[in-house]
Amino acid sequence: MKFPGLSLFYKSRQSNFDSISGYEDLKNIINRALDSDESFNLLLVGPPASSKTQFLMEIMKTNKNCVYFDAANSTNRVLQVIEEERPKIILFDELDKMPKIFAEKLLNFLESGHIKIDQKNCQMDFKLEGCKVFGTANDVKRVSKPLLSRFRRFFLSRYTEQQFLDVCEKVLPKLCPSITRYIGAIVFKNGGDIRDCISIGKLVRKDDGPQEIASIISTISNYGTEK
């Protein structure tokens, strides 16, 4: 049975994630969560180069009243920002790196939208209705069971190289396709993710060739870890 207008409806719901290759069914679920008046917690789990963080970036780019946090650096300041901004959407990247002491403070909020802390150095008591929380993680084994239970989990597979190159081309529209795909191929080969491509792309000039780009990537790699 065919439903008139259904394909157009489905296509319109995917427009927020045009830079992400594939995952059409998952895009639909995320858009439905964003459209809902109810609270919803969704965790994207997968290895680098599976587009987890790209989903967060697209949500942040196309939605107002949204805040993004690097979960690894979560402190009480995160809660202060949430209290001040009263966001409708909260994004936590790399939830598996979130400090345990902070993760415990989030449990009640993820369950009921209520934050209540009564400590000497931190006192808070507020509630957010209908807030959506989206997170990413490389490995659920590093996320505590109580925290994990608050999320609907979706497990993503690593992109194929062709898919990764297609995404790289979409997120670097100012560079010519041959350059973006060259960057993507090197990053993919070295196990990186799309954030690395975006970072490198910001440093590349339009007249740079493979030699200059290779030098940029080599320098980033050499100075990217503590000696």
N, C-alpha and C. Protein backbone atom coordinates (compact mmCIF):
# COMPACT_ATOMS: atom_id res chain seq x y z
N MET A 1 0.84 -1.20 0.00
CA MET A 1 0.00 0.00 0.00
C MET A 1 0.87 1.24 0.00
N LYS A 2 0.54 2.21 -0.84
CA LYS A 2 1.30 3.45 -0.92
C LYS A 2 0.54 4.57 -0.22
N PHE A 3 1.27 5.41 0.46
CA PHE A 3 0.68 6.54 1.16
C PHE A 3 1.13 7.82 0.48
N PRO A 4 0.21 8.57 -0.13
CA PRO A 4 0.58 9.81 -0.83
C PRO A 4 1.33 10.78 0.08
N GLY A 5 2.43 11.29 -0.44
CA GLY A 5 3.17 12.31 0.32
C GLY A 5 4.12 11.76 1.36
N LEU A 6 4.12 10.42 1.58
CA LEU A 6 4.96 9.86 2.63
C LEU A 6 6.44 10.04 2.33
N SER A 7 6.85 9.83 1.08
CA SER A 7 8.27 9.98 0.74
C SER A 7 8.74 11.41 0.91
N LEU A 8 7.88 12.38 0.60
CA LEU A 8 8.22 13.79 0.77
C LEU A 8 8.36 14.11 2.24
N PHE A 9 7.45 13.55 3.07
CA PHE A 9 7.52 13.76 4.52
C PHE A 9 8.82 13.21 5.07
N TYR A 10 9.16 12.00 4.67
CA TYR A 10 10.37 11.36 5.17
C TYR A 10 11.62 12.15 4.76
N LYS A 11 11.63 12.63 3.52
CA LYS A 11 12.79 13.39 3.02
C LYS A 11 12.95 14.69 3.80
N SER A 12 11.83 15.36 4.09
CA SER A 12 11.91 16.65 4.78
C SER A 12 12.48 16.49 6.18
N ARG A 13 12.25 15.35 6.81
CA ARG A 13 12.72 15.13 8.17
C ARG A 13 14.23 14.88 8.20
N GLN A 14 14.82 14.56 7.07
CA GLN A 14 16.25 14.25 7.04
C GLN A 14 17.12 15.46 6.73
N SER A 15 16.50 16.60 6.45
CA SER A 15 17.25 17.75 5.96
C SER A 15 18.26 18.28 6.96
N ASN A 16 18.07 17.98 8.25
CA ASN A 16 19.00 18.46 9.27
C ASN A 16 20.36 17.76 9.18
N PHE A 17 20.44 16.64 8.50
CA PHE A 17 21.65 15.82 8.54
C PHE A 17 22.20 15.53 7.14
N ASP A 18 22.15 16.52 6.29
CA ASP A 18 22.58 16.33 4.91
C ASP A 18 24.07 16.00 4.78
N SER A 19 24.87 16.40 5.77
CA SER A 19 26.32 16.15 5.67
C SER A 19 26.69 14.73 6.09
N ILE A 20 25.71 13.97 6.58
CA ILE A 20 25.98 12.62 7.07
C ILE A 20 25.50 11.60 6.05
N SER A 21 26.39 10.71 5.66
CA SER A 21 26.07 9.70 4.67
C SER A 21 25.38 8.51 5.33
N GLY A 22 24.25 8.07 4.74
CA GLY A 22 23.54 6.92 5.27
C GLY A 22 22.74 7.23 6.53
N TYR A 23 22.42 6.19 7.28
CA TYR A 23 21.70 6.30 8.55
C TYR A 23 20.34 6.99 8.40
N GLU A 24 19.67 6.81 7.27
CA GLU A 24 18.41 7.51 7.05
C GLU A 24 17.38 7.18 8.11
N ASP A 25 17.31 5.91 8.53
CA ASP A 25 16.35 5.52 9.55
C ASP A 25 16.68 6.15 10.90
N LEU A 26 17.98 6.23 11.23
CA LEU A 26 18.38 6.84 12.49
C LEU A 26 18.14 8.35 12.48
N LYS A 27 18.36 8.98 11.33
CA LYS A 27 18.08 10.41 11.21
C LYS A 27 16.60 10.68 11.52
N ASN A 28 15.74 9.81 11.05
CA ASN A 28 14.31 9.96 11.28
C ASN A 28 14.00 9.88 12.78
N ILE A 29 14.62 8.91 13.47
CA ILE A 29 14.40 8.76 14.91
C ILE A 29 14.86 10.00 15.67
N ILE A 30 16.05 10.51 15.31
CA ILE A 30 16.59 11.68 15.99
C ILE A 30 15.71 12.90 15.76
N ASN A 31 15.24 13.06 14.54
CA ASN A 31 14.35 14.18 14.25
C ASN A 31 13.03 14.06 15.02
N ARG A 32 12.53 12.85 15.16
CA ARG A 32 11.31 12.65 15.94
C ARG A 32 11.53 13.00 17.41
N ALA A 33 12.70 12.64 17.93
CA ALA A 33 13.02 13.00 19.31
C ALA A 33 13.10 14.51 19.47
N LEU A 34 13.72 15.18 18.49
CA LEU A 34 13.84 16.64 18.54
C LEU A 34 12.48 17.32 18.45
N ASP A 35 11.57 16.75 17.69
CA ASP A 35 10.25 17.34 17.50
C ASP A 35 9.30 17.10 18.67
N SER A 36 9.60 16.08 19.46
CA SER A 36 8.71 15.71 20.55
C SER A 36 8.70 16.76 21.67
N ASP A 37 7.56 16.88 22.34
CA ASP A 37 7.46 17.76 23.50
C ASP A 37 7.97 17.08 24.76
N GLU A 38 8.21 15.78 24.66
CA GLU A 38 8.66 15.00 25.81
C GLU A 38 10.19 14.99 25.91
N SER A 39 10.69 14.73 27.09
CA SER A 39 12.13 14.58 27.27
C SER A 39 12.58 13.27 26.62
N PHE A 40 13.84 13.23 26.18
CA PHE A 40 14.36 12.03 25.52
C PHE A 40 15.87 12.04 25.65
N ASN A 41 16.44 10.89 26.03
CA ASN A 41 17.89 10.74 26.16
C ASN A 41 18.37 9.70 25.15
N LEU A 42 19.28 10.08 24.26
CA LEU A 42 19.73 9.20 23.19
C LEU A 42 21.24 9.17 23.15
N LEU A 43 21.80 7.97 23.13
CA LEU A 43 23.26 7.80 23.12
C LEU A 43 23.69 7.08 21.86
N LEU A 44 24.62 7.70 21.11
CA LEU A 44 25.19 7.10 19.91
C LEU A 44 26.51 6.44 20.28
N VAL A 45 26.62 5.16 20.03
CA VAL A 45 27.80 4.39 20.43
C VAL A 45 28.47 3.83 19.18
N GLY A 46 29.78 3.99 19.11
CA GLY A 46 30.49 3.44 17.95
C GLY A 46 31.93 3.89 17.92
N PRO A 47 32.73 3.31 17.05
CA PRO A 47 34.16 3.65 16.94
C PRO A 47 34.34 4.99 16.23
N PRO A 48 35.57 5.51 16.24
CA PRO A 48 35.85 6.71 15.43
C PRO A 48 35.45 6.46 13.97
N ALA A 49 35.08 7.54 13.29
CA ALA A 49 34.69 7.47 11.87
C ALA A 49 33.35 6.76 11.68
N SER A 50 32.47 6.87 12.70
CA SER A 50 31.11 6.34 12.53
C SER A 50 30.09 7.47 12.54
N SER A 51 30.57 8.71 12.57
CA SER A 51 29.74 9.91 12.44
C SER A 51 28.96 10.28 13.70
N LYS A 52 29.37 9.76 14.85
CA LYS A 52 28.68 10.09 16.11
C LYS A 52 28.71 11.58 16.39
N THR A 53 29.91 12.14 16.42
CA THR A 53 30.05 13.56 16.74
C THR A 53 29.45 14.43 15.65
N GLN A 54 29.47 13.96 14.41
CA GLN A 54 28.87 14.73 13.32
C GLN A 54 27.38 14.91 13.54
N PHE A 55 26.73 13.90 14.12
CA PHE A 55 25.32 14.04 14.45
C PHE A 55 25.13 15.17 15.46
N LEU A 56 25.99 15.23 16.48
CA LEU A 56 25.88 16.30 17.47
C LEU A 56 26.11 17.66 16.84
N MET A 57 27.09 17.74 15.96
CA MET A 57 27.40 19.01 15.30
C MET A 57 26.23 19.50 14.46
N GLU A 58 25.57 18.56 13.77
CA GLU A 58 24.42 18.93 12.94
C GLU A 58 23.24 19.37 13.80
N ILE A 59 23.04 18.69 14.93
CA ILE A 59 21.97 19.10 15.84
C ILE A 59 22.23 20.50 16.36
N MET A 60 23.47 20.76 16.73
CA MET A 60 23.84 22.06 17.27
C MET A 60 23.71 23.16 16.22
N LYS A 61 24.01 22.82 14.97
CA LYS A 61 23.99 23.81 13.89
C LYS A 61 22.56 24.20 13.50
N THR A 62 21.63 23.28 13.65
CA THR A 62 20.28 23.52 13.13
C THR A 62 19.22 23.73 14.21
N ASN A 63 19.64 23.79 15.47
CA ASN A 63 18.67 23.98 16.55
C ASN A 63 19.12 25.08 17.50
N LYS A 64 18.20 25.93 17.87
CA LYS A 64 18.46 26.98 18.84
C LYS A 64 18.29 26.42 20.25
N ASN A 65 18.72 27.19 21.23
CA ASN A 65 18.58 26.79 22.63
C ASN A 65 19.21 25.42 22.88
N CYS A 66 20.45 25.30 22.41
CA CYS A 66 21.18 24.03 22.48
C CYS A 66 22.58 24.30 23.05
N VAL A 67 23.04 23.43 23.95
CA VAL A 67 24.39 23.58 24.52
C VAL A 67 25.18 22.30 24.31
N TYR A 68 26.48 22.47 24.09
CA TYR A 68 27.39 21.35 23.82
C TYR A 68 28.46 21.29 24.90
N PHE A 69 28.78 20.08 25.36
CA PHE A 69 29.83 19.90 26.36
C PHE A 69 30.73 18.73 25.97
N ASP A 70 32.02 18.89 26.25
CA ASP A 70 32.97 17.78 26.18
C ASP A 70 32.83 17.04 27.51
N ALA A 71 32.25 15.86 27.49
CA ALA A 71 31.94 15.14 28.72
C ALA A 71 33.17 14.88 29.57
N ALA A 72 34.33 14.75 28.93
CA ALA A 72 35.55 14.46 29.67
C ALA A 72 35.93 15.58 30.62
N ASN A 73 35.47 16.79 30.33
CA ASN A 73 35.81 17.95 31.15
C ASN A 73 34.62 18.45 31.97
N SER A 74 33.66 17.56 32.25
CA SER A 74 32.46 17.96 32.97
C SER A 74 32.75 18.27 34.44
N THR A 75 32.28 19.43 34.87
CA THR A 75 32.40 19.87 36.26
C THR A 75 31.08 20.53 36.66
N ASN A 76 31.03 21.06 37.86
CA ASN A 76 29.82 21.76 38.30
C ASN A 76 29.50 22.95 37.41
N ARG A 77 30.51 23.45 36.70
CA ARG A 77 30.28 24.57 35.79
C ARG A 77 29.29 24.18 34.70
N VAL A 78 29.29 22.92 34.30
CA VAL A 78 28.33 22.43 33.30
C VAL A 78 26.91 22.61 33.82
N LEU A 79 26.69 22.24 35.07
CA LEU A 79 25.36 22.39 35.67
C LEU A 79 24.98 23.85 35.80
N GLN A 80 25.94 24.69 36.07
CA GLN A 80 25.67 26.12 36.17
C GLN A 80 25.22 26.69 34.82
N VAL A 81 25.89 26.23 33.75
CA VAL A 81 25.50 26.67 32.40
C VAL A 81 24.09 26.20 32.08
N ILE A 82 23.78 24.96 32.42
CA ILE A 82 22.44 24.42 32.16
C ILE A 82 21.40 25.20 32.94
N GLU A 83 21.71 25.55 34.19
CA GLU A 83 20.76 26.32 35.00
C GLU A 83 20.55 27.71 34.42
N GLU A 84 21.63 28.33 33.94
CA GLU A 84 21.53 29.69 33.41
C GLU A 84 20.86 29.72 32.03
N GLU A 85 21.22 28.77 31.16
CA GLU A 85 20.74 28.79 29.78
C GLU A 85 19.36 28.14 29.64
N ARG A 86 19.02 27.22 30.51
CA ARG A 86 17.76 26.46 30.41
C ARG A 86 17.56 25.91 29.00
N PRO A 87 18.52 25.15 28.49
CA PRO A 87 18.45 24.68 27.10
C PRO A 87 17.36 23.62 26.90
N LYS A 88 16.91 23.53 25.67
CA LYS A 88 15.98 22.47 25.29
C LYS A 88 16.73 21.22 24.84
N ILE A 89 17.99 21.42 24.42
CA ILE A 89 18.81 20.32 23.93
C ILE A 89 20.19 20.40 24.58
N ILE A 90 20.66 19.27 25.12
CA ILE A 90 21.98 19.20 25.74
C ILE A 90 22.77 18.11 25.02
N LEU A 91 24.00 18.43 24.61
CA LEU A 91 24.85 17.49 23.89
C LEU A 91 26.09 17.17 24.71
N PHE A 92 26.33 15.88 24.96
CA PHE A 92 27.52 15.44 25.68
C PHE A 92 28.35 14.55 24.75
N ASP A 93 29.51 15.05 24.33
CA ASP A 93 30.40 14.27 23.48
C ASP A 93 31.34 13.44 24.34
N GLU A 94 31.54 12.18 23.98
CA GLU A 94 32.43 11.23 24.67
C GLU A 94 31.98 11.01 26.11
N LEU A 95 30.75 10.54 26.25
CA LEU A 95 30.17 10.29 27.56
C LEU A 95 30.97 9.25 28.35
N ASP A 96 31.64 8.35 27.65
CA ASP A 96 32.42 7.31 28.33
C ASP A 96 33.65 7.88 29.03
N LYS A 97 33.97 9.14 28.80
CA LYS A 97 35.10 9.78 29.48
C LYS A 97 34.63 10.73 30.59
N MET A 98 33.33 10.77 30.86
CA MET A 98 32.79 11.66 31.88
C MET A 98 33.24 11.21 33.27
N PRO A 99 33.76 12.12 34.11
CA PRO A 99 34.15 11.75 35.47
C PRO A 99 32.99 11.14 36.24
N LYS A 100 33.26 10.07 36.96
CA LYS A 100 32.20 9.34 37.68
C LYS A 100 31.48 10.24 38.68
N ILE A 101 32.22 11.10 39.36
CA ILE A 101 31.62 11.95 40.37
C ILE A 101 30.60 12.92 39.76
N PHE A 102 30.85 13.32 38.51
CA PHE A 102 29.89 14.20 37.84
C PHE A 102 28.73 13.40 37.26
N ALA A 103 29.02 12.23 36.73
CA ALA A 103 27.97 11.39 36.14
C ALA A 103 26.88 11.10 37.16
N GLU A 104 27.27 10.91 38.41
CA GLU A 104 26.30 10.61 39.46
C GLU A 104 25.33 11.78 39.68
N LYS A 105 25.81 12.99 39.45
CA LYS A 105 24.96 14.17 39.62
C LYS A 105 23.92 14.30 38.52
N LEU A 106 24.18 13.63 37.40
CA LEU A 106 23.27 13.72 36.26
C LEU A 106 22.13 12.71 36.31
N LEU A 107 22.26 11.68 37.13
CA LEU A 107 21.32 10.56 37.10
C LEU A 107 19.87 11.01 37.29
N ASN A 108 19.61 11.79 38.31
CA ASN A 108 18.24 12.23 38.58
C ASN A 108 17.73 13.15 37.47
N PHE A 109 18.63 13.99 36.95
CA PHE A 109 18.24 14.89 35.87
C PHE A 109 17.81 14.11 34.63
N LEU A 110 18.57 13.09 34.28
CA LEU A 110 18.25 12.28 33.10
C LEU A 110 16.96 11.50 33.30
N GLU A 111 16.61 11.24 34.54
CA GLU A 111 15.38 10.50 34.85
C GLU A 111 14.16 11.40 34.90
N SER A 112 14.32 12.58 35.51
CA SER A 112 13.15 13.43 35.78
C SER A 112 13.30 14.88 35.31
N GLY A 113 14.49 15.24 34.85
CA GLY A 113 14.72 16.64 34.47
C GLY A 113 15.01 17.55 35.65
N HIS A 114 15.18 16.95 36.83
CA HIS A 114 15.37 17.72 38.06
C HIS A 114 16.82 17.65 38.54
N ILE A 115 17.40 18.80 38.81
CA ILE A 115 18.74 18.88 39.40
C ILE A 115 18.61 19.46 40.80
N LYS A 116 19.08 18.72 41.79
CA LYS A 116 19.09 19.22 43.16
C LYS A 116 20.39 18.83 43.82
N ILE A 117 21.19 19.82 44.13
CA ILE A 117 22.48 19.59 44.77
C ILE A 117 22.58 20.52 45.97
N ASP A 118 22.92 19.98 47.10
CA ASP A 118 23.07 20.77 48.32
C ASP A 118 24.42 20.45 48.95
N GLN A 119 25.43 21.11 48.41
CA GLN A 119 26.79 20.93 48.89
C GLN A 119 27.36 22.28 49.31
N LYS A 120 28.42 22.24 50.04
CA LYS A 120 29.02 23.47 50.55
C LYS A 120 29.42 24.40 49.42
N ASN A 121 29.97 23.83 48.36
CA ASN A 121 30.46 24.65 47.24
C ASN A 121 29.52 24.66 46.03
N CYS A 122 28.37 24.01 46.16
CA CYS A 122 27.42 23.96 45.02
C CYS A 122 26.01 23.68 45.53
N GLN A 123 25.14 24.66 45.32
CA GLN A 123 23.73 24.49 45.70
C GLN A 123 22.84 24.83 44.51
N MET A 124 22.05 23.86 44.10
CA MET A 124 21.17 24.04 42.95
C MET A 124 19.86 23.30 43.17
N ASP A 125 18.79 23.85 42.63
CA ASP A 125 17.49 23.19 42.68
C ASP A 125 16.63 23.73 41.55
N PHE A 126 16.62 23.03 40.40
CA PHE A 126 15.84 23.47 39.26
C PHE A 126 15.41 22.27 38.43
N LYS A 127 14.43 22.49 37.55
CA LYS A 127 13.91 21.43 36.70
C LYS A 127 13.67 21.94 35.30
N LEU A 128 14.03 21.12 34.30
CA LEU A 128 13.79 21.43 32.90
C LEU A 128 12.77 20.46 32.33
N GLU A 129 11.72 20.97 31.75
CA GLU A 129 10.68 20.13 31.16
C GLU A 129 10.98 19.88 29.68
N GLY A 130 10.82 18.65 29.25
CA GLY A 130 10.94 18.32 27.84
C GLY A 130 12.33 18.47 27.26
N CYS A 131 13.36 18.38 28.09
CA CYS A 131 14.73 18.55 27.62
C CYS A 131 15.22 17.27 26.93
N LYS A 132 15.93 17.44 25.81
CA LYS A 132 16.52 16.31 25.09
C LYS A 132 18.01 16.26 25.38
N VAL A 133 18.52 15.08 25.69
CA VAL A 133 19.95 14.91 25.95
C VAL A 133 20.49 13.89 24.94
N PHE A 134 21.46 14.33 24.13
CA PHE A 134 22.11 13.45 23.15
C PHE A 134 23.57 13.29 23.55
N GLY A 135 24.05 12.06 23.52
CA GLY A 135 25.43 11.82 23.87
C GLY A 135 26.11 10.88 22.89
N THR A 136 27.44 10.82 22.97
CA THR A 136 28.21 9.87 22.17
C THR A 136 29.15 9.11 23.09
N ALA A 137 29.53 7.91 22.67
CA ALA A 137 30.49 7.11 23.42
C ALA A 137 31.16 6.14 22.48
N ASN A 138 32.44 5.90 22.71
CA ASN A 138 33.16 4.90 21.92
C ASN A 138 32.92 3.50 22.46
N ASP A 139 32.74 3.40 23.79
CA ASP A 139 32.64 2.08 24.41
C ASP A 139 31.70 2.16 25.62
N VAL A 140 30.58 1.46 25.58
CA VAL A 140 29.62 1.51 26.68
C VAL A 140 30.15 0.84 27.94
N LYS A 141 31.18 0.00 27.81
CA LYS A 141 31.76 -0.66 28.98
C LYS A 141 32.38 0.35 29.95
N ARG A 142 32.70 1.53 29.43
CA ARG A 142 33.30 2.57 30.27
C ARG A 142 32.26 3.52 30.84
N VAL A 143 30.98 3.27 30.55
CA VAL A 143 29.90 4.08 31.08
C VAL A 143 29.24 3.30 32.22
N SER A 144 28.99 3.94 33.35
CA SER A 144 28.39 3.25 34.49
C SER A 144 27.01 2.73 34.12
N LYS A 145 26.62 1.61 34.70
CA LYS A 145 25.32 1.02 34.39
C LYS A 145 24.15 1.95 34.72
N PRO A 146 24.18 2.65 35.87
CA PRO A 146 23.08 3.58 36.15
C PRO A 146 22.95 4.69 35.11
N LEU A 147 24.09 5.23 34.65
CA LEU A 147 24.07 6.29 33.65
C LEU A 147 23.60 5.73 32.31
N LEU A 148 24.11 4.57 31.95
CA LEU A 148 23.75 3.95 30.67
C LEU A 148 22.26 3.64 30.60
N SER A 149 21.68 3.26 31.73
CA SER A 149 20.27 2.88 31.75
C SER A 149 19.34 4.05 31.46
N ARG A 150 19.85 5.27 31.58
CA ARG A 150 19.03 6.46 31.32
C ARG A 150 18.89 6.78 29.84
N PHE A 151 19.67 6.09 29.00
CA PHE A 151 19.71 6.43 27.57
C PHE A 151 19.12 5.32 26.72
N ARG A 152 18.49 5.71 25.62
CA ARG A 152 18.20 4.79 24.53
C ARG A 152 19.45 4.72 23.68
N ARG A 153 20.04 3.53 23.56
CA ARG A 153 21.33 3.40 22.88
C ARG A 153 21.16 2.96 21.42
N PHE A 154 21.98 3.57 20.56
CA PHE A 154 22.04 3.20 19.15
C PHE A 154 23.50 2.92 18.80
N PHE A 155 23.77 1.73 18.27
CA PHE A 155 25.14 1.32 17.97
C PHE A 155 25.44 1.51 16.49
N LEU A 156 26.46 2.31 16.22
CA LEU A 156 26.83 2.66 14.84
C LEU A 156 28.08 1.90 14.43
N SER A 157 28.16 1.56 13.16
CA SER A 157 29.34 0.89 12.61
C SER A 157 30.28 1.93 12.01
N ARG A 158 31.54 1.58 11.96
CA ARG A 158 32.52 2.46 11.32
C ARG A 158 32.17 2.60 9.85
N TYR A 159 32.28 3.83 9.34
CA TYR A 159 32.04 4.07 7.93
C TYR A 159 33.01 3.26 7.07
N THR A 160 32.58 2.93 5.88
CA THR A 160 33.53 2.45 4.88
C THR A 160 34.36 3.66 4.44
N GLU A 161 35.48 3.41 3.80
CA GLU A 161 36.32 4.52 3.35
C GLU A 161 35.57 5.42 2.37
N GLN A 162 34.79 4.82 1.48
CA GLN A 162 34.04 5.61 0.50
C GLN A 162 33.02 6.52 1.18
N GLN A 163 32.32 6.00 2.17
CA GLN A 163 31.35 6.81 2.92
C GLN A 163 32.06 7.94 3.65
N PHE A 164 33.21 7.63 4.23
CA PHE A 164 33.97 8.64 4.97
C PHE A 164 34.41 9.77 4.05
N LEU A 165 34.86 9.42 2.85
CA LEU A 165 35.30 10.43 1.88
C LEU A 165 34.12 11.30 1.43
N ASP A 166 32.96 10.68 1.29
CA ASP A 166 31.76 11.44 0.91
C ASP A 166 31.39 12.45 1.98
N VAL A 167 31.46 12.04 3.24
CA VAL A 167 31.16 12.94 4.35
C VAL A 167 32.17 14.07 4.41
N CYS A 168 33.44 13.72 4.23
CA CYS A 168 34.51 14.71 4.27
C CYS A 168 34.27 15.79 3.21
N GLU A 169 33.83 15.37 2.04
CA GLU A 169 33.56 16.32 0.96
C GLU A 169 32.42 17.27 1.33
N LYS A 170 31.43 16.76 2.05
CA LYS A 170 30.28 17.57 2.42
C LYS A 170 30.60 18.58 3.53
N VAL A 171 31.48 18.20 4.45
CA VAL A 171 31.77 19.10 5.58
C VAL A 171 32.87 20.11 5.25
N LEU A 172 33.50 19.95 4.09
CA LEU A 172 34.54 20.91 3.66
C LEU A 172 34.17 21.47 2.29
N PRO A 173 33.04 22.15 2.17
CA PRO A 173 32.56 22.61 0.86
C PRO A 173 33.42 23.69 0.22
N LYS A 174 34.25 24.37 0.99
CA LYS A 174 35.06 25.46 0.45
C LYS A 174 36.30 24.96 -0.28
N LEU A 175 36.64 23.69 -0.08
CA LEU A 175 37.79 23.11 -0.75
C LEU A 175 37.32 22.25 -1.92
N CYS A 176 38.18 22.09 -2.90
CA CYS A 176 37.79 21.29 -4.06
C CYS A 176 37.70 19.82 -3.65
N PRO A 177 36.83 19.04 -4.30
CA PRO A 177 36.61 17.65 -3.92
C PRO A 177 37.87 16.79 -3.87
N SER A 178 38.79 17.02 -4.80
CA SER A 178 40.00 16.19 -4.80
C SER A 178 40.82 16.40 -3.54
N ILE A 179 40.85 17.65 -3.05
CA ILE A 179 41.60 17.96 -1.83
C ILE A 179 40.91 17.37 -0.60
N THR A 180 39.58 17.54 -0.53
CA THR A 180 38.86 17.03 0.65
C THR A 180 38.97 15.51 0.72
N ARG A 181 38.93 14.85 -0.42
CA ARG A 181 39.01 13.40 -0.41
C ARG A 181 40.42 12.92 -0.11
N TYR A 182 41.41 13.72 -0.49
CA TYR A 182 42.80 13.40 -0.13
C TYR A 182 42.97 13.49 1.38
N ILE A 183 42.44 14.56 1.98
CA ILE A 183 42.48 14.71 3.44
C ILE A 183 41.76 13.55 4.11
N GLY A 184 40.56 13.26 3.62
CA GLY A 184 39.77 12.18 4.20
C GLY A 184 40.47 10.84 4.14
N ALA A 185 41.14 10.56 3.04
CA ALA A 185 41.82 9.27 2.87
C ALA A 185 42.93 9.10 3.90
N ILE A 186 43.70 10.16 4.14
CA ILE A 186 44.80 10.08 5.12
C ILE A 186 44.25 9.92 6.53
N VAL A 187 43.23 10.73 6.86
CA VAL A 187 42.64 10.66 8.20
C VAL A 187 42.03 9.28 8.45
N PHE A 188 41.31 8.76 7.47
CA PHE A 188 40.68 7.45 7.61
C PHE A 188 41.73 6.36 7.81
N LYS A 189 42.79 6.42 7.03
CA LYS A 189 43.84 5.42 7.12
C LYS A 189 44.49 5.39 8.50
N ASN A 190 44.53 6.55 9.14
CA ASN A 190 45.17 6.66 10.46
C ASN A 190 44.17 6.57 11.60
N GLY A 191 42.95 6.11 11.30
CA GLY A 191 41.97 5.85 12.35
C GLY A 191 41.31 7.07 12.95
N GLY A 192 41.41 8.22 12.27
CA GLY A 192 40.81 9.44 12.79
C GLY A 192 39.32 9.52 12.50
N ASP A 193 38.71 10.64 12.90
CA ASP A 193 37.30 10.83 12.62
C ASP A 193 37.08 12.14 11.89
N ILE A 194 35.84 12.47 11.64
CA ILE A 194 35.52 13.61 10.79
C ILE A 194 35.95 14.93 11.41
N ARG A 195 36.06 14.98 12.75
CA ARG A 195 36.53 16.21 13.39
C ARG A 195 37.96 16.54 12.96
N ASP A 196 38.77 15.49 12.75
CA ASP A 196 40.14 15.71 12.29
C ASP A 196 40.15 16.33 10.89
N CYS A 197 39.25 15.85 10.04
CA CYS A 197 39.15 16.40 8.68
C CYS A 197 38.77 17.87 8.71
N ILE A 198 37.81 18.20 9.56
CA ILE A 198 37.36 19.59 9.67
C ILE A 198 38.48 20.48 10.19
N SER A 199 39.20 20.00 11.18
CA SER A 199 40.30 20.77 11.76
C SER A 199 41.40 21.02 10.73
N ILE A 200 41.75 19.98 9.99
CA ILE A 200 42.78 20.11 8.95
C ILE A 200 42.31 21.04 7.84
N GLY A 201 41.06 20.88 7.46
CA GLY A 201 40.50 21.69 6.38
C GLY A 201 40.56 23.18 6.66
N LYS A 202 40.46 23.57 7.92
CA LYS A 202 40.51 24.98 8.29
C LYS A 202 41.89 25.59 8.05
N LEU A 203 42.90 24.74 7.97
CA LEU A 203 44.27 25.22 7.80
C LEU A 203 44.74 25.17 6.34
N VAL A 204 43.97 24.50 5.52
CA VAL A 204 44.37 24.32 4.11
C VAL A 204 43.96 25.52 3.28
N ARG A 205 44.88 26.01 2.45
CA ARG A 205 44.60 27.09 1.51
C ARG A 205 44.18 26.50 0.17
N LYS A 206 43.47 27.28 -0.59
CA LYS A 206 42.94 26.78 -1.86
C LYS A 206 44.03 26.36 -2.84
N ASP A 207 45.21 26.98 -2.72
CA ASP A 207 46.28 26.65 -3.67
C ASP A 207 47.25 25.59 -3.11
N ASP A 208 46.93 25.01 -1.95
CA ASP A 208 47.78 23.97 -1.39
C ASP A 208 47.65 22.68 -2.19
N GLY A 209 48.75 21.98 -2.32
CA GLY A 209 48.75 20.68 -2.97
C GLY A 209 48.99 19.58 -1.97
N PRO A 210 49.12 18.34 -2.42
CA PRO A 210 49.33 17.19 -1.53
C PRO A 210 50.52 17.36 -0.59
N GLN A 211 51.60 17.97 -1.06
CA GLN A 211 52.79 18.12 -0.22
C GLN A 211 52.51 19.04 0.97
N GLU A 212 51.84 20.16 0.73
CA GLU A 212 51.54 21.09 1.81
C GLU A 212 50.54 20.47 2.80
N ILE A 213 49.56 19.76 2.27
CA ILE A 213 48.56 19.13 3.14
C ILE A 213 49.19 18.03 3.98
N ALA A 214 50.06 17.25 3.38
CA ALA A 214 50.77 16.20 4.11
C ALA A 214 51.60 16.80 5.24
N SER A 215 52.20 17.96 4.97
CA SER A 215 53.01 18.64 6.00
C SER A 215 52.13 19.08 7.16
N ILE A 216 50.95 19.62 6.85
CA ILE A 216 50.02 20.05 7.91
C ILE A 216 49.63 18.85 8.78
N ILE A 217 49.26 17.75 8.14
CA ILE A 217 48.82 16.57 8.88
C ILE A 217 49.96 16.00 9.72
N SER A 218 51.16 15.99 9.15
CA SER A 218 52.33 15.48 9.87
C SER A 218 52.63 16.32 11.10
N THR A 219 52.55 17.64 10.94
CA THR A 219 52.81 18.55 12.07
C THR A 219 51.78 18.36 13.18
N ILE A 220 50.51 18.26 12.80
CA ILE A 220 49.45 18.03 13.79
C ILE A 220 49.68 16.73 14.53
N SER A 221 50.10 15.70 13.79
CA SER A 221 50.36 14.40 14.41
C SER A 221 51.56 14.45 15.36
N ASN A 222 52.62 15.14 14.93
CA ASN A 222 53.84 15.21 15.75
C ASN A 222 53.64 15.94 17.06
N TYR A 223 52.80 16.99 17.03
CA TYR A 223 52.60 17.81 18.22
C TYR A 223 51.26 17.50 18.93
N GLY A 224 50.61 16.43 18.48
CA GLY A 224 49.28 16.13 19.02
C GLY A 224 49.25 15.33 20.31
N THR A 225 50.41 14.83 20.71
CA THR A 225 50.47 14.07 21.97
C THR A 225 51.58 14.61 22.84
N GLU A 226 51.39 14.48 24.14
CA GLU A 226 52.37 15.00 25.10
C GLU A 226 53.64 14.19 25.04
N LYS A 227 54.75 14.90 24.99
CA LYS A 227 56.06 14.22 24.92
C LYS A 227 56.53 13.83 26.31
